[in-house]
């Protein structure tokens, strides 16, 4: 069993920054793929970014890749999402997810079905 707990969300003005954290417990993470997704009110959950702790590879959605950075600390079982130049349209609940298969496939990391475990989410609100 894997438990994921997100933190770091909050209210920020447009142009500001936030750093989200996700701590995982229950199993070793040396081969996992970790990701962030977000879901705005009335919209579907969408992929934000993913990182492969085994190889250090990352992949981000086009809409955020110039502003967001995903990173991980496998020694601490943590993954981070640094979000800069935030916009009102970034407002959403942000979710941490874990794929325990050990396979890094860029074409698959953006799909919800790839992930086995999910956190409860942390709210990010960007005011204009």
Foldseek 3Di string as FASTA:
>chain_A
DKAKAKDWADEEAAQAKIKMKIAMDDDQQLLKKKFKWWDDPPGDIWGAKIAGNNVGDIDGDPVFPVFWDWDDDRVRRMIMIIGGRDDQVVWTWMKMFMQPPSDDDPVPPTDPVRTDDMYPTDTHGYHD
